[in-house]
Every structure is written in structure tokens, then in C-alpha cells.
């Protein structure tokens, strides 16, 4: 029995349009251990984000097998995959995806509500303090800078103590100084919580902080 927390075997993803079949991923093999940090790098359109959505069970491959926390997610229905995600995974996206009508605190406690649990305000406040936003808890996203919004998104991602954190271009919309702080924060929280970190990034500095780097090119994956 493998100790891998994520395993992809011979994964291919084909998208069909009316006129053609596009192979976005081709025969991808990948094994990630618990607590590891890995970066997936490559040019735009290489298939990085598609691979991440498959590994996280947001979509299923055309061919091949994906094991996520020992679940054969390639064969599970949408509802079961959604339950596995809500219980075990955290996400940070380039576009923050905060709810405009909720305060920073409200956005961070949101995963509790989505899981049908009591809002743990004490934990949310501690996470917002950890990301340096103790004075901004009652602010709406529109009142926060891009870097502050991304820090709220990171605090939210750690709210349910995820076993795995998926981050898709987490520094893509940030200036260099803010990006550096966000990187430090991600790895600091990763160490403290023992979270497995899967990063999709163009940022070589960010990639080099990870335990391993994989390069994606024209739908194929190779370890650097």
C-alpha cells in the first residue's frame, strides 16, 4: 500500500469541441508524499491548472487513475468528491474568490458554514492574526488591498486544517514585496500545520522553495 497522499497514474485529459479533440494532459504520472511541498511550473496553457483540478477531484481524467487520500477519485461521483474536498482540502487561487458582502472574518469562517459546522471565530481570528490582519477583521474585501485579500484567502484555506493545500498562482496578482510575504506565509503555515502543499506557479523563486519541482510542457510532466 502506497504512503502517497496523492497519486496519478497514466492520467490523460482530452477535451472535445465540435471540430476537434484537444489533449490537454498526456500520460501524467505523479506521486506526492504527506507533508511534502511540490511546485508545478510551465508556460501558460501547458496544462498546469488542469492537472491541479484533476488532483483535487474538481474534475475527472479521460483516462488513468487518481488516488487522493487513498480514495479512487476517478471513479467517484460529484457529491462524494465534493465531500472529500470539503473535509480535507484547502484552495488558494490567483483571483482570491472572496465573498464581497462578508468581512474578512466572515470570509475566513465561511468553510465552517459550508461544512455545516459551528463558526469557530476564535480560530479564524488566530489565523487572521497569523497573516497580520488583526486590525482588518471587520473590513470588506473592497476595503482591502490585493495583498490583504490574498492573506484573507490563505487564512480561509487553513480554516478547516486541510491535509492538502492547492495553490494556483497564489502570487500572480501581487507586487514583488507582497508576493514575498505571501510565500513566507504559505510555507510557514505549511510547516506549522504539516499540510501537503501543491503549488502551480510561474514564479521560479516560489518553486525553488518547494521540496520538488515538476515541469509541465505541452501536457507532459517531468520532474526537474
Protein backbone atom coordinates (compact mmCIF):
# COMPACT_ATOMS: atom_id res chain seq x y z
CA UNK A 1 0.00 0.00 0.00
CA UNK A 2 1.48 3.32 -1.07
CA UNK A 3 2.06 6.06 1.53
CA UNK A 4 1.40 8.68 -1.16
CA UNK A 5 -1.24 11.24 -0.23
CA UNK A 6 -1.83 11.91 -3.97
CA UNK A 7 -1.05 9.53 -6.81
CA UNK A 8 -1.69 9.98 -10.53
CA UNK A 9 -1.13 7.03 -12.85
CA UNK A 10 -1.19 7.34 -16.65
CA UNK A 11 -3.53 10.34 -16.47
CA UNK A 12 -4.75 11.77 -19.76
CA UNK A 13 -7.28 14.56 -20.22
CA UNK A 14 -8.92 15.15 -23.58
CA UNK A 15 -11.40 17.95 -24.22
CA UNK A 16 -13.67 17.61 -27.23
CA UNK A 17 -15.00 20.54 -29.21
CA UNK A 18 -17.33 20.30 -32.22
CA UNK A 19 -14.38 20.24 -34.59
CA UNK A 20 -11.53 18.55 -32.72
CA UNK A 21 -10.21 16.61 -29.72
CA UNK A 22 -7.65 18.52 -27.67
CA UNK A 23 -5.25 16.53 -25.50
CA UNK A 24 -4.54 18.81 -22.52
CA UNK A 25 -2.69 16.21 -20.39
CA UNK A 26 -0.93 13.15 -21.73
CA UNK A 27 0.12 10.10 -19.69
CA UNK A 28 0.95 12.03 -16.50
CA UNK A 29 2.42 10.08 -13.55
CA UNK A 30 2.95 11.74 -10.19
CA UNK A 31 3.26 10.67 -6.57
CA UNK A 32 3.18 13.15 -3.66
CA UNK A 33 4.01 12.20 -0.06
CA UNK A 34 2.29 13.55 3.05
CA UNK A 35 3.75 16.86 4.27
CA UNK A 36 5.68 17.41 1.05
CA UNK A 37 5.66 20.67 -0.91
CA UNK A 38 5.74 20.42 -4.69
CA UNK A 39 5.67 23.03 -7.43
CA UNK A 40 4.24 22.54 -10.91
CA UNK A 41 5.80 25.07 -13.28
CA UNK A 42 5.47 25.72 -17.00
CA UNK A 43 4.24 28.24 -19.53
CA UNK A 44 0.65 29.41 -19.79
CA UNK A 45 -1.53 26.78 -21.45
CA UNK A 46 0.86 23.90 -20.63
CA UNK A 47 -1.83 22.11 -18.58
CA UNK A 48 -0.75 23.04 -15.03
CA UNK A 49 -4.14 24.23 -13.77
CA UNK A 50 -5.92 21.31 -15.47
CA UNK A 51 -3.64 18.88 -13.63
CA UNK A 52 -4.38 20.63 -10.34
CA UNK A 53 -8.15 20.42 -10.86
CA UNK A 54 -7.80 16.68 -11.51
CA UNK A 55 -5.55 16.03 -8.50
CA UNK A 56 -8.04 17.93 -6.29
CA UNK A 57 -11.02 15.97 -7.63
CA UNK A 58 -12.63 19.06 -9.19
CA UNK A 59 -12.72 17.12 -12.46
CA UNK A 60 -12.01 13.55 -13.61
CA UNK A 61 -9.45 12.33 -16.16
CA UNK A 62 -10.38 10.93 -19.57
CA UNK A 63 -8.01 8.03 -18.92
CA UNK A 64 -5.90 6.88 -15.98
CA UNK A 65 -6.28 6.74 -12.21
CA UNK A 66 -6.02 9.35 -9.46
CA UNK A 67 -5.84 8.41 -5.79
CA UNK A 68 -6.49 11.23 -3.32
CA UNK A 69 -6.02 10.30 0.36
CA UNK A 70 -6.48 6.65 -0.72
CA UNK A 71 -9.80 7.44 -2.44
CA UNK A 72 -10.05 6.37 -6.11
CA UNK A 73 -11.48 9.76 -7.09
CA UNK A 74 -11.50 8.97 -10.82
CA UNK A 75 -14.42 6.61 -10.08
CA UNK A 76 -16.40 8.62 -7.53
CA UNK A 77 -19.49 10.75 -8.19
CA UNK A 78 -19.51 14.55 -7.87
CA UNK A 79 -21.12 14.54 -4.43
CA UNK A 80 -18.60 12.11 -2.91
CA UNK A 81 -15.69 14.03 -4.40
CA UNK A 82 -17.13 17.30 -3.05
CA UNK A 83 -17.34 15.79 0.43
CA UNK A 84 -13.70 14.63 0.30
CA UNK A 85 -12.67 18.13 -0.80
CA UNK A 86 -14.61 19.95 1.92
CA UNK A 87 -13.19 17.68 4.64
CA UNK A 88 -9.56 17.52 3.53
CA UNK A 89 -8.55 20.22 1.05
CA UNK A 90 -7.83 23.94 1.08
CA UNK A 91 -7.59 26.18 -2.00
CA UNK A 92 -5.88 29.48 -2.75
CA UNK A 93 -6.48 30.99 -6.19
CA UNK A 94 -4.90 33.90 -8.07
CA UNK A 95 -8.23 35.74 -8.08
CA UNK A 96 -8.83 35.46 -4.27
CA UNK A 97 -12.55 34.47 -4.68
CA UNK A 98 -13.68 36.25 -1.52
CA UNK A 99 -17.39 36.91 -0.90
CA UNK A 100 -17.81 40.72 -1.38
CA UNK A 101 -20.59 41.09 1.21
CA UNK A 102 -18.68 39.30 4.01
CA UNK A 103 -15.99 40.83 6.24
CA UNK A 104 -12.51 39.33 6.36
CA UNK A 105 -13.60 37.38 9.44
CA UNK A 106 -16.81 36.23 7.73
CA UNK A 107 -14.85 35.01 4.71
CA UNK A 108 -12.47 33.01 6.91
CA UNK A 109 -15.26 31.31 8.89
CA UNK A 110 -17.19 30.50 5.70
CA UNK A 111 -15.72 26.95 5.30
CA UNK A 112 -17.26 26.06 8.70
CA UNK A 113 -20.72 27.02 7.42
CA UNK A 114 -20.17 25.12 4.17
CA UNK A 115 -19.36 22.02 6.22
CA UNK A 116 -22.44 22.58 8.38
CA UNK A 117 -20.34 23.28 11.47
CA UNK A 118 -20.40 25.99 14.12
CA UNK A 119 -18.37 29.06 13.13
CA UNK A 120 -15.06 28.87 15.01
CA UNK A 121 -14.42 32.60 15.38
CA UNK A 122 -11.52 32.12 17.78
CA UNK A 123 -9.62 30.02 15.22
CA UNK A 124 -10.50 32.47 12.42
CA UNK A 125 -9.20 35.40 14.47
CA UNK A 126 -5.98 33.49 15.28
CA UNK A 127 -5.43 32.76 11.57
CA UNK A 128 -6.07 36.38 10.61
CA UNK A 129 -3.57 37.43 13.28
CA UNK A 130 -1.10 34.89 11.88
CA UNK A 131 -1.38 36.57 8.47
CA UNK A 132 -1.03 40.05 10.00
CA UNK A 133 -4.64 41.19 9.60
CA UNK A 134 -5.74 41.54 13.21
CA UNK A 135 -6.71 45.18 12.54
CA UNK A 136 -8.66 44.40 9.35
CA UNK A 137 -11.05 41.66 10.50
CA UNK A 138 -14.21 43.76 10.10
CA UNK A 139 -13.26 45.13 6.68
CA UNK A 140 -14.97 44.04 3.47
CA UNK A 141 -12.84 42.78 0.55
CA UNK A 142 -13.41 46.08 -1.31
CA UNK A 143 -11.71 47.88 1.61
CA UNK A 144 -8.61 45.65 1.43
CA UNK A 145 -5.58 45.75 -0.87
CA UNK A 146 -4.79 42.84 -3.19
CA UNK A 147 -2.17 41.51 -0.80
CA UNK A 148 -4.57 41.75 2.14
CA UNK A 149 -7.28 39.92 0.18
CA UNK A 150 -4.82 37.14 -0.67
CA UNK A 151 -3.90 36.85 3.02
CA UNK A 152 -7.60 36.50 3.88
CA UNK A 153 -7.83 33.76 1.24
CA UNK A 154 -4.86 31.94 2.80
CA UNK A 155 -6.35 32.21 6.30
CA UNK A 156 -9.63 30.83 4.89
CA UNK A 157 -7.78 27.94 3.22
CA UNK A 158 -6.27 26.89 6.56
CA UNK A 159 -9.54 27.32 8.49
CA UNK A 160 -10.54 23.66 8.38
CA UNK A 161 -6.95 22.38 8.93
CA UNK A 162 -6.69 20.89 5.43
CA UNK A 163 -4.48 17.87 4.85
CA UNK A 164 -3.60 19.27 1.41
CA UNK A 165 -3.44 22.87 0.22
CA UNK A 166 -3.71 23.57 -3.51
CA UNK A 167 -2.47 26.99 -4.54
CA UNK A 168 -2.91 28.13 -8.16
CA UNK A 169 -0.67 31.13 -8.96
CA UNK A 170 -1.08 32.46 -5.37
CA UNK A 171 1.24 35.40 -6.04
CA UNK A 172 0.12 36.09 -9.63
CA UNK A 173 -1.75 39.33 -8.88
CA UNK A 174 0.66 40.74 -6.32
CA UNK A 175 3.65 43.07 -6.38
CA UNK A 176 7.05 41.57 -5.60
CA UNK A 177 7.22 42.70 -1.97
CA UNK A 178 3.70 41.46 -1.15
CA UNK A 179 4.34 38.24 -3.11
CA UNK A 180 7.42 37.55 -0.97
CA UNK A 181 5.38 37.96 2.24
CA UNK A 182 2.64 35.65 0.89
CA UNK A 183 5.26 33.00 0.01
CA UNK A 184 6.74 33.17 3.54
CA UNK A 185 3.26 32.87 4.98
CA UNK A 186 2.32 29.83 2.89
CA UNK A 187 5.45 27.92 3.85
CA UNK A 188 5.23 28.99 7.49
CA UNK A 189 1.64 27.72 7.77
CA UNK A 190 2.62 24.62 5.77
CA UNK A 191 5.34 23.79 8.33
CA UNK A 192 3.23 24.56 11.39
CA UNK A 193 0.24 22.52 10.22
CA UNK A 194 2.12 19.73 8.42
CA UNK A 195 -0.01 20.45 5.36
CA UNK A 196 0.93 18.95 2.00
CA UNK A 197 1.41 21.83 -0.44
CA UNK A 198 0.73 21.64 -4.19
CA UNK A 199 1.67 24.88 -5.96
CA UNK A 200 1.01 25.84 -9.56
CA UNK A 201 3.21 28.80 -10.36
CA UNK A 202 5.14 30.83 -12.95
CA UNK A 203 7.29 32.16 -10.12
CA UNK A 204 10.67 30.39 -10.09
CA UNK A 205 11.55 31.84 -6.66
CA UNK A 206 8.40 30.31 -5.21
CA UNK A 207 9.01 27.00 -6.99
CA UNK A 208 12.54 26.74 -5.60
CA UNK A 209 11.21 26.88 -2.04
CA UNK A 210 9.42 23.57 -2.61
CA UNK A 211 10.80 20.08 -1.92
CA UNK A 212 10.41 19.11 -5.58
CA UNK A 213 9.71 20.91 -8.86
CA UNK A 214 7.82 19.41 -11.78
CA UNK A 215 7.84 20.96 -15.22
CA UNK A 216 4.76 20.87 -17.41
CA UNK A 217 5.16 21.25 -21.16
CA UNK A 218 2.52 20.56 -23.82
CA UNK A 219 0.55 18.34 -21.44
CA UNK A 220 3.52 16.24 -20.28
CA UNK A 221 5.03 16.31 -16.79
CA UNK A 222 8.68 15.83 -15.85
CA UNK A 223 10.48 16.23 -12.53
CA UNK A 224 13.28 18.80 -12.66
